Amino acid sequence: MEIIKNRKYMALIVHSDATMWNLGLIRIRCKTNYLLVVANIDQKLESYDFVPNDFISIITDSVSINLVIAKDLNKNHQKCFANALQLTIKLPFYQFDEINK
């Protein structure tokens, strides 16, 4: 029997007023802390000749590690509206499943 492992990734996308750069995915290990993730972000940005001072804002979902990362980067932080909308729509489905158990 094959065991499927869930893997977590963070997509790193940079926007400007004129263009967008997809810098790829950063693998998030199971037992990581935000300092390792920030180091991985910095490494990925440097590989494309970006530096943290080039940015004024960060957009993330509401996962707790992302909130800590945004705070640590000391940038304007916006939670992703699409993610919040998706979670709001899914909420009744999860509640319905719990009632039927």
Foldseek 3Di string as FASTA:
>chain_A
DDDDDDWDWDWDKDDDPPDIDGLGIDTDDDPDALVVVLVSVQVSCVVVPHHLVVDAEDEEAVDPSVVVNRVVSVHHYDYDPVNVVVCVVCVVVVVVVVVVD
